[in-house]
Amino acid sequence: MGVDNLNVEEGRMSDKTRRAVGVMAVIGCVVMLSGCDWWPPALQQRIGTQEAQIKALGAEKTALQATVVDATKAADDCKAQSAQAAKAQADLQAQVTQLKADLEAALAKKGKPGKK
């Protein structure tokens, strides 16, 4: 029975060891839950620089999107003007054709041959 009792005693942690492990576990949990608020200065500077770059790129993106909207509107206006000009040209061409026909008819009534 003495040998069995000795093996059981060796397998157990001492009270001091158990308390130390418990305290370390509690401290570890507290540190993990609270997080670490300290950042190295070089990392803080890099983060600050990248945040400034992100803000600048966001402003540039917004400006470019506004430029694209303006360019799209200008392109649509040009297309509308082009369509109006094409319609006006077609109308004028029809008027020229009609005037030529009227002129030829008037000349034919007078008996003079028209020039072609």
C-alpha atoms as a PDB file:
ATOM      1  CA  MET A   1       0.000   0.000   0.000  1.00  0.00           C
ATOM      2  CA  GLY A   2       2.900   2.367   0.526  1.00  0.00           C
ATOM      3  CA  VAL A   3       3.985   2.083  -3.108  1.00  0.00           C
ATOM      4  CA  ASP A   4       0.476   2.866  -4.411  1.00  0.00           C
ATOM      5  CA  ASN A   5       0.214   5.852  -2.121  1.00  0.00           C
ATOM      6  CA  LEU A   6       3.615   7.141  -3.328  1.00  0.00           C
ATOM      7  CA  ASN A   7       2.576   6.941  -7.002  1.00  0.00           C
ATOM      8  CA  VAL A   8      -0.609   8.850  -6.287  1.00  0.00           C
ATOM      9  CA  GLU A   9       1.355  11.553  -4.464  1.00  0.00           C
ATOM     10  CA  GLU A  10       3.812  11.936  -7.389  1.00  0.00           C
ATOM     11  CA  GLY A  11       0.944  12.264  -9.904  1.00  0.00           C
ATOM     12  CA  ARG A  12      -0.606  15.186  -8.057  1.00  0.00           C
ATOM     13  CA  MET A  13       0.586  18.749  -8.205  1.00  0.00           C
ATOM     14  CA  SER A  14       1.536  20.417  -5.008  1.00  0.00           C
ATOM     15  CA  ASP A  15      -0.806  23.089  -3.703  1.00  0.00           C
ATOM     16  CA  LYS A  16       1.726  25.835  -4.520  1.00  0.00           C
ATOM     17  CA  THR A  17       2.116  24.636  -8.097  1.00  0.00           C
ATOM     18  CA  ARG A  18      -1.635  24.366  -8.536  1.00  0.00           C
ATOM     19  CA  ARG A  19      -2.143  27.906  -7.212  1.00  0.00           C
ATOM     20  CA  ALA A  20       0.629  29.260  -9.459  1.00  0.00           C
ATOM     21  CA  VAL A  21      -0.886  27.628 -12.535  1.00  0.00           C
ATOM     22  CA  GLY A  22      -4.335  28.940 -11.563  1.00  0.00           C
ATOM     23  CA  VAL A  23      -3.025  32.484 -11.071  1.00  0.00           C
ATOM     24  CA  MET A  24      -1.188  32.370 -14.402  1.00  0.00           C
ATOM     25  CA  ALA A  25      -4.335  31.094 -16.138  1.00  0.00           C
ATOM     26  CA  VAL A  26      -6.421  33.881 -14.631  1.00  0.00           C
ATOM     27  CA  ILE A  27      -3.823  36.509 -15.585  1.00  0.00           C
ATOM     28  CA  GLY A  28      -3.670  35.089 -19.122  1.00  0.00           C
ATOM     29  CA  CYS A  29      -7.469  35.233 -19.472  1.00  0.00           C
ATOM     30  CA  VAL A  30      -7.565  38.806 -18.171  1.00  0.00           C
ATOM     31  CA  VAL A  31      -4.842  39.903 -20.591  1.00  0.00           C
ATOM     32  CA  MET A  32      -6.566  38.209 -23.538  1.00  0.00           C
ATOM     33  CA  LEU A  33      -9.961  39.671 -22.698  1.00  0.00           C
ATOM     34  CA  SER A  34      -8.672  43.188 -22.097  1.00  0.00           C
ATOM     35  CA  GLY A  35      -6.596  43.285 -25.270  1.00  0.00           C
ATOM     36  CA  CYS A  36      -3.370  45.087 -25.834  1.00  0.00           C
ATOM     37  CA  ASP A  37      -3.621  48.837 -26.399  1.00  0.00           C
ATOM     38  CA  TRP A  38       0.083  49.447 -26.868  1.00  0.00           C
ATOM     39  CA  TRP A  39       1.425  49.659 -30.412  1.00  0.00           C
ATOM     40  CA  PRO A  40       5.052  50.301 -31.355  1.00  0.00           C
ATOM     41  CA  PRO A  41       5.623  53.886 -32.591  1.00  0.00           C
ATOM     42  CA  ALA A  42       6.789  52.752 -36.045  1.00  0.00           C
ATOM     43  CA  LEU A  43       3.618  50.701 -36.453  1.00  0.00           C
ATOM     44  CA  GLN A  44       1.483  53.615 -35.248  1.00  0.00           C
ATOM     45  CA  GLN A  45       3.142  55.887 -37.819  1.00  0.00           C
ATOM     46  CA  ARG A  46       2.627  53.340 -40.589  1.00  0.00           C
ATOM     47  CA  ILE A  47      -1.035  52.927 -39.643  1.00  0.00           C
ATOM     48  CA  GLY A  48      -1.473  56.716 -39.591  1.00  0.00           C
ATOM     49  CA  THR A  49       0.148  57.044 -43.010  1.00  0.00           C
ATOM     50  CA  GLN A  50      -2.043  54.317 -44.467  1.00  0.00           C
ATOM     51  CA  GLU A  51      -5.182  55.861 -42.982  1.00  0.00           C
ATOM     52  CA  ALA A  52      -4.254  59.203 -44.562  1.00  0.00           C
ATOM     53  CA  GLN A  53      -3.659  57.462 -47.893  1.00  0.00           C
ATOM     54  CA  ILE A  54      -7.031  55.732 -47.644  1.00  0.00           C
ATOM     55  CA  LYS A  55      -8.773  59.053 -46.988  1.00  0.00           C
ATOM     56  CA  ALA A  56      -6.930  60.708 -49.898  1.00  0.00           C
ATOM     57  CA  LEU A  57      -7.806  57.827 -52.223  1.00  0.00           C
ATOM     58  CA  GLY A  58     -11.437  58.007 -51.120  1.00  0.00           C
ATOM     59  CA  ALA A  59     -11.547  61.722 -51.943  1.00  0.00           C
ATOM     60  CA  GLU A  60      -9.854  61.065 -55.296  1.00  0.00           C
ATOM     61  CA  LYS A  61     -12.343  58.289 -56.037  1.00  0.00           C
ATOM     62  CA  THR A  62     -15.255  60.605 -55.277  1.00  0.00           C
ATOM     63  CA  ALA A  63     -13.788  63.311 -57.535  1.00  0.00           C
ATOM     64  CA  LEU A  64     -13.231  60.814 -60.350  1.00  0.00           C
ATOM     65  CA  GLN A  65     -16.770  59.492 -60.017  1.00  0.00           C
ATOM     66  CA  ALA A  66     -18.088  63.060 -60.301  1.00  0.00           C
ATOM     67  CA  THR A  67     -15.926  63.568 -63.401  1.00  0.00           C
ATOM     68  CA  VAL A  68     -17.287  60.356 -64.926  1.00  0.00           C
ATOM     69  CA  VAL A  69     -20.857  61.504 -64.234  1.00  0.00           C
ATOM     70  CA  ASP A  70     -20.126  64.886 -65.869  1.00  0.00           C
ATOM     71  CA  ALA A  71     -18.454  63.235 -68.874  1.00  0.00           C
ATOM     72  CA  THR A  72     -21.360  60.827 -69.286  1.00  0.00           C
ATOM     73  CA  LYS A  73     -23.822  63.714 -69.193  1.00  0.00           C
ATOM     74  CA  ALA A  74     -21.742  65.640 -71.753  1.00  0.00           C
ATOM     75  CA  ALA A  75     -21.601  62.567 -74.004  1.00  0.00           C
ATOM     76  CA  ASP A  76     -25.384  62.150 -73.767  1.00  0.00           C
ATOM     77  CA  ASP A  77     -25.840  65.847 -74.607  1.00  0.00           C
ATOM     78  CA  CYS A  78     -23.546  65.465 -77.630  1.00  0.00           C
ATOM     79  CA  LYS A  79     -25.483  62.422 -78.807  1.00  0.00           C
ATOM     80  CA  ALA A  80     -28.759  64.344 -78.498  1.00  0.00           C
ATOM     81  CA  GLN A  81     -27.319  67.327 -80.401  1.00  0.00           C
ATOM     82  CA  SER A  82     -25.959  64.994 -83.065  1.00  0.00           C
ATOM     83  CA  ALA A  83     -29.361  63.368 -83.460  1.00  0.00           C
ATOM     84  CA  GLN A  84     -30.996  66.809 -83.727  1.00  0.00           C
ATOM     85  CA  ALA A  85     -28.416  67.916 -86.311  1.00  0.00           C
ATOM     86  CA  ALA A  86     -28.974  64.729 -88.349  1.00  0.00           C
ATOM     87  CA  LYS A  87     -32.736  65.303 -88.256  1.00  0.00           C
ATOM     88  CA  ALA A  88     -32.302  68.962 -89.258  1.00  0.00           C
ATOM     89  CA  GLN A  89     -30.018  67.907 -92.125  1.00  0.00           C
ATOM     90  CA  ALA A  90     -32.539  65.345 -93.311  1.00  0.00           C
ATOM     91  CA  ASP A  91     -35.307  67.967 -93.146  1.00  0.00           C
ATOM     92  CA  LEU A  92     -33.194  70.464 -95.107  1.00  0.00           C
ATOM     93  CA  GLN A  93     -32.295  67.817 -97.668  1.00  0.00           C
ATOM     94  CA  ALA A  94     -35.985  67.038 -98.108  1.00  0.00           C
ATOM     95  CA  GLN A  95     -36.706  70.766 -98.560  1.00  0.00           C
ATOM     96  CA  VAL A  96     -33.906  71.072-101.160  1.00  0.00           C
ATOM     97  CA  THR A  97     -35.258  68.061-103.021  1.00  0.00           C
ATOM     98  CA  GLN A  98     -38.793  69.519-102.923  1.00  0.00           C
ATOM     99  CA  LEU A  99     -37.555  72.964-104.081  1.00  0.00           C
ATOM    100  CA  LYS A 100     -35.654  71.371-106.967  1.00  0.00           C
ATOM    101  CA  ALA A 101     -38.811  69.482-107.990  1.00  0.00           C
ATOM    102  CA  ASP A 102     -40.889  72.667-107.700  1.00  0.00           C
ATOM    103  CA  LEU A 103     -38.324  74.610-109.767  1.00  0.00           C
ATOM    104  CA  GLU A 104     -38.270  71.984-112.472  1.00  0.00           C
ATOM    105  CA  ALA A 105     -42.078  71.924-112.534  1.00  0.00           C
ATOM    106  CA  ALA A 106     -42.221  75.725-112.776  1.00  0.00           C
ATOM    107  CA  LEU A 107     -39.624  75.792-115.538  1.00  0.00           C
ATOM    108  CA  ALA A 108     -41.474  73.056-117.407  1.00  0.00           C
ATOM    109  CA  LYS A 109     -44.654  75.147-117.285  1.00  0.00           C
ATOM    110  CA  LYS A 110     -42.815  78.113-118.777  1.00  0.00           C
ATOM    111  CA  GLY A 111     -41.344  75.911-121.460  1.00  0.00           C
ATOM    112  CA  LYS A 112     -37.692  76.384-120.573  1.00  0.00           C
ATOM    113  CA  PRO A 113     -35.541  73.329-120.081  1.00  0.00           C
ATOM    114  CA  GLY A 114     -33.938  73.082-116.638  1.00  0.00           C
ATOM    115  CA  LYS A 115     -30.247  72.578-116.151  1.00  0.00           C
ATOM    116  CA  LYS A 116     -29.091  69.350-114.580  1.00  0.00           C
END
